[in-house]
Amino acid sequence: MHVPDGLIGKSNITTGLINPEYQLIIYAIISLILLVLVFNRFRKNHNEKDIPKIALFVVACVIIQMIELPLPVPACVHISLITVLALYDLESSMIVYAFVTVIQAFLGEGGVSTMGVNVLNLAFIGPLIAYNVYHLLKSYNKNIALFLSGFLAITLLGVVVSIEYALAGVYPLTFGLTVITPIEAVVG
């Protein structure tokens, strides 16, 4: 789920725990640091033959994610390949979704000012959830591990976005957990 421009970072919102402008800066810094770490690790573990795959995955994800599912809050949900890519290759999925998030910001999905939070959520948190859930459960049952990795990645992203909105004072955490998270669970 993308965080649109104007929700986090509004200077007229004063009820959040963290100043919304600082919150956007913090997310951007965290995302940039993680991107540098992932790119360095990617360079060590991959070669230039993998770059066309990254480009193909970016294009496929952008096209597939053009299908939107509206929400009763100022955001939308997309069909996602986060889990598929994370299970294919975690580092590649993080790079792909960083590019996808940037492209989508300029196509009106998410936002330019909220790019840091969206990259953090979609390129790092989502793939890490999917990857770790699958690897924790695959010895038990691979089918259940696949299902739960996709389901929990999307559902827990709804929880994360709800927390981020609550920290910024956009709306109470209980609203996010009772409205966004159940919708994400259905999509997941």
Protein backbone atom coordinates (compact mmCIF):
# COMPACT_ATOMS: atom_id res chain seq x y z
CA MET A 1 0.00 0.00 0.00
CA HIS A 2 1.41 3.34 -1.03
CA VAL A 3 1.35 6.38 1.22
CA PRO A 4 0.18 9.29 -0.96
CA ASP A 5 1.63 12.79 -0.97
CA GLY A 6 0.17 15.12 1.60
CA LEU A 7 -0.83 12.74 4.37
CA ILE A 8 2.44 12.35 6.20
CA GLY A 9 4.24 15.66 6.27
CA LYS A 10 1.27 18.01 6.54
CA SER A 11 2.41 20.89 8.69
CA ASN A 12 -1.12 21.37 10.08
CA ILE A 13 -1.09 17.94 11.71
CA THR A 14 0.20 18.35 15.25
CA THR A 15 -1.22 15.33 17.02
CA GLY A 16 1.44 12.85 15.91
CA LEU A 17 4.18 11.49 18.10
CA ILE A 18 6.83 12.54 15.58
CA ASN A 19 6.87 15.80 13.64
CA PRO A 20 5.57 14.68 10.21
CA GLU A 21 8.25 16.57 8.27
CA TYR A 22 10.96 14.91 10.34
CA GLN A 23 9.22 11.59 9.92
CA LEU A 24 9.50 11.88 6.11
CA ILE A 25 13.18 12.77 6.40
CA ILE A 26 13.84 9.84 8.75
CA TYR A 27 12.14 7.41 6.34
CA ALA A 28 14.13 8.79 3.39
CA ILE A 29 17.44 8.48 5.25
CA ILE A 30 16.68 4.91 6.37
CA SER A 31 15.66 3.97 2.82
CA LEU A 32 18.81 5.48 1.31
CA ILE A 33 21.06 3.68 3.79
CA LEU A 34 19.29 0.37 3.11
CA LEU A 35 19.52 0.93 -0.66
CA VAL A 36 23.27 1.48 -0.44
CA LEU A 37 23.68 -1.68 1.64
CA VAL A 38 21.53 -3.76 -0.71
CA PHE A 39 23.26 -2.45 -3.85
CA ASN A 40 26.67 -3.28 -2.35
CA ARG A 41 25.53 -6.76 -1.42
CA PHE A 42 23.93 -7.23 -4.85
CA ARG A 43 27.22 -6.29 -6.55
CA LYS A 44 29.07 -8.91 -4.49
CA ASN A 45 26.55 -11.72 -5.07
CA HIS A 46 25.47 -11.05 -8.66
CA ASN A 47 26.97 -10.07 -11.99
CA GLU A 48 26.00 -7.83 -14.90
CA LYS A 49 23.97 -10.67 -16.46
CA ASP A 50 21.40 -10.14 -13.70
CA ILE A 51 20.75 -6.51 -14.61
CA PRO A 52 18.39 -7.29 -17.55
CA LYS A 53 16.38 -9.52 -15.20
CA ILE A 54 16.04 -6.61 -12.79
CA ALA A 55 14.83 -4.36 -15.62
CA LEU A 56 12.32 -6.98 -16.79
CA PHE A 57 11.00 -7.47 -13.27
CA VAL A 58 10.63 -3.70 -12.82
CA VAL A 59 8.58 -3.40 -16.01
CA ALA A 60 6.44 -6.43 -15.13
CA CYS A 61 5.75 -5.13 -11.62
CA VAL A 62 4.84 -1.64 -12.83
CA ILE A 63 2.41 -3.06 -15.38
CA ILE A 64 0.83 -5.56 -12.97
CA GLN A 65 0.54 -2.96 -10.23
CA MET A 66 -1.44 -0.65 -12.50
CA ILE A 67 -4.43 -2.74 -11.37
CA GLU A 68 -5.73 -0.88 -8.32
CA LEU A 69 -8.12 -1.89 -5.60
CA PRO A 70 -9.63 1.18 -3.90
CA LEU A 71 -9.78 1.57 -0.13
CA PRO A 72 -12.15 3.62 2.04
CA VAL A 73 -9.14 5.70 3.11
CA PRO A 74 -6.92 7.99 1.03
CA ALA A 75 -4.84 5.17 -0.44
CA CYS A 76 -5.20 2.12 -2.64
CA VAL A 77 -3.95 -1.45 -2.82
CA HIS A 78 -2.23 -3.03 -5.82
CA ILE A 79 -1.72 -6.55 -6.95
CA SER A 80 1.81 -7.22 -5.80
CA LEU A 81 4.71 -9.45 -6.73
CA ILE A 82 6.64 -8.69 -3.56
CA THR A 83 6.49 -12.25 -2.26
CA VAL A 84 7.23 -13.87 -5.62
CA LEU A 85 10.32 -11.72 -6.13
CA ALA A 86 11.48 -12.00 -2.51
CA LEU A 87 11.41 -15.78 -2.76
CA TYR A 88 13.19 -15.68 -6.12
CA ASP A 89 15.99 -13.47 -4.79
CA LEU A 90 15.73 -11.15 -1.79
CA GLU A 91 18.32 -8.61 -2.92
CA SER A 92 16.87 -8.42 -6.42
CA SER A 93 13.36 -7.94 -5.06
CA MET A 94 14.49 -5.03 -2.92
CA ILE A 95 16.16 -3.33 -5.87
CA VAL A 96 13.18 -4.02 -8.15
CA TYR A 97 10.67 -2.61 -5.69
CA ALA A 98 12.81 0.45 -5.02
CA PHE A 99 12.71 1.22 -8.76
CA VAL A 100 9.01 0.31 -9.01
CA THR A 101 8.15 2.63 -6.13
CA VAL A 102 10.05 5.54 -7.70
CA ILE A 103 8.39 4.99 -11.08
CA GLN A 104 4.96 4.72 -9.52
CA ALA A 105 5.49 7.93 -7.54
CA PHE A 106 5.85 9.79 -10.83
CA LEU A 107 2.79 8.00 -12.22
CA GLY A 108 0.64 9.27 -9.37
CA GLU A 109 0.78 6.17 -7.17
CA GLY A 110 2.13 7.03 -3.78
CA GLY A 111 3.99 10.29 -3.81
CA VAL A 112 7.26 12.04 -4.39
CA SER A 113 7.44 13.50 -0.88
CA THR A 114 6.57 10.11 0.62
CA MET A 115 9.00 8.15 -1.54
CA GLY A 116 11.20 7.32 1.45
CA VAL A 117 8.39 5.72 3.44
CA ASN A 118 7.05 3.89 0.38
CA VAL A 119 10.48 2.53 -0.55
CA LEU A 120 11.01 1.45 3.06
CA ASN A 121 7.66 -0.35 3.15
CA LEU A 122 7.54 -1.89 -0.31
CA ALA A 123 11.21 -2.50 -1.09
CA PHE A 124 12.44 -3.58 2.33
CA ILE A 125 9.80 -4.42 4.93
CA GLY A 126 7.48 -6.36 2.59
CA PRO A 127 10.18 -8.54 1.01
CA LEU A 128 11.82 -9.20 4.39
CA ILE A 129 8.52 -10.36 5.86
CA ALA A 130 7.79 -12.63 2.88
CA TYR A 131 11.29 -14.08 2.76
CA ASN A 132 11.57 -14.75 6.49
CA VAL A 133 8.07 -16.21 6.90
CA TYR A 134 8.68 -18.60 4.01
CA HIS A 135 12.07 -19.73 5.28
CA LEU A 136 10.75 -20.19 8.82
CA LEU A 137 7.84 -22.37 7.68
CA LYS A 138 9.08 -24.20 4.56
CA SER A 139 10.39 -27.20 6.51
CA TYR A 140 6.92 -27.66 7.98
CA ASN A 141 4.89 -27.36 4.77
CA LYS A 142 5.96 -25.53 1.61
CA ASN A 143 2.41 -24.74 0.48
CA ILE A 144 1.47 -23.24 3.82
CA ALA A 145 4.78 -21.37 3.87
CA LEU A 146 4.06 -19.89 0.42
CA PHE A 147 0.54 -18.87 1.37
CA LEU A 148 1.51 -17.34 4.70
CA SER A 149 4.53 -15.52 3.28
CA GLY A 150 2.31 -13.70 0.78
CA PHE A 151 -0.58 -13.20 3.17
CA LEU A 152 1.52 -11.93 6.06
CA ALA A 153 3.71 -9.70 3.90
CA ILE A 154 0.71 -7.76 2.61
CA THR A 155 -1.27 -7.85 5.87
CA LEU A 156 1.64 -6.74 8.02
CA LEU A 157 2.39 -3.93 5.57
CA GLY A 158 -1.11 -2.69 6.41
CA VAL A 159 -0.15 -2.75 10.08
CA VAL A 160 3.11 -0.91 9.34
CA VAL A 161 1.34 1.81 7.33
CA SER A 162 -1.25 2.16 10.10
CA ILE A 163 1.54 2.70 12.62
CA GLU A 164 3.24 5.23 10.34
CA TYR A 165 -0.01 7.15 9.91
CA ALA A 166 -0.60 7.08 13.67
CA LEU A 167 2.93 8.34 14.37
CA ALA A 168 2.29 11.25 12.01
CA GLY A 169 -1.11 11.97 13.55
CA VAL A 170 -3.02 11.25 10.34
CA TYR A 171 -5.52 9.11 12.23
CA PRO A 172 -5.56 6.90 15.33
CA LEU A 173 -3.85 3.54 15.22
CA THR A 174 -7.12 1.79 16.00
CA PHE A 175 -8.65 3.21 12.82
CA GLY A 176 -5.79 1.91 10.70
CA LEU A 177 -5.85 -1.50 12.33
CA THR A 178 -9.62 -1.85 11.95
CA VAL A 179 -9.92 -0.41 8.42
CA ILE A 180 -6.65 -0.82 6.50
CA THR A 181 -5.35 -4.07 7.97
CA PRO A 182 -8.50 -6.15 7.29
CA ILE A 183 -8.56 -4.91 3.69
CA GLU A 184 -4.89 -5.76 3.30
CA ALA A 185 -5.63 -9.20 4.78
CA VAL A 186 -8.28 -9.83 2.11
CA VAL A 187 -5.90 -8.68 -0.63
CA GLY A 188 -3.02 -10.68 0.88
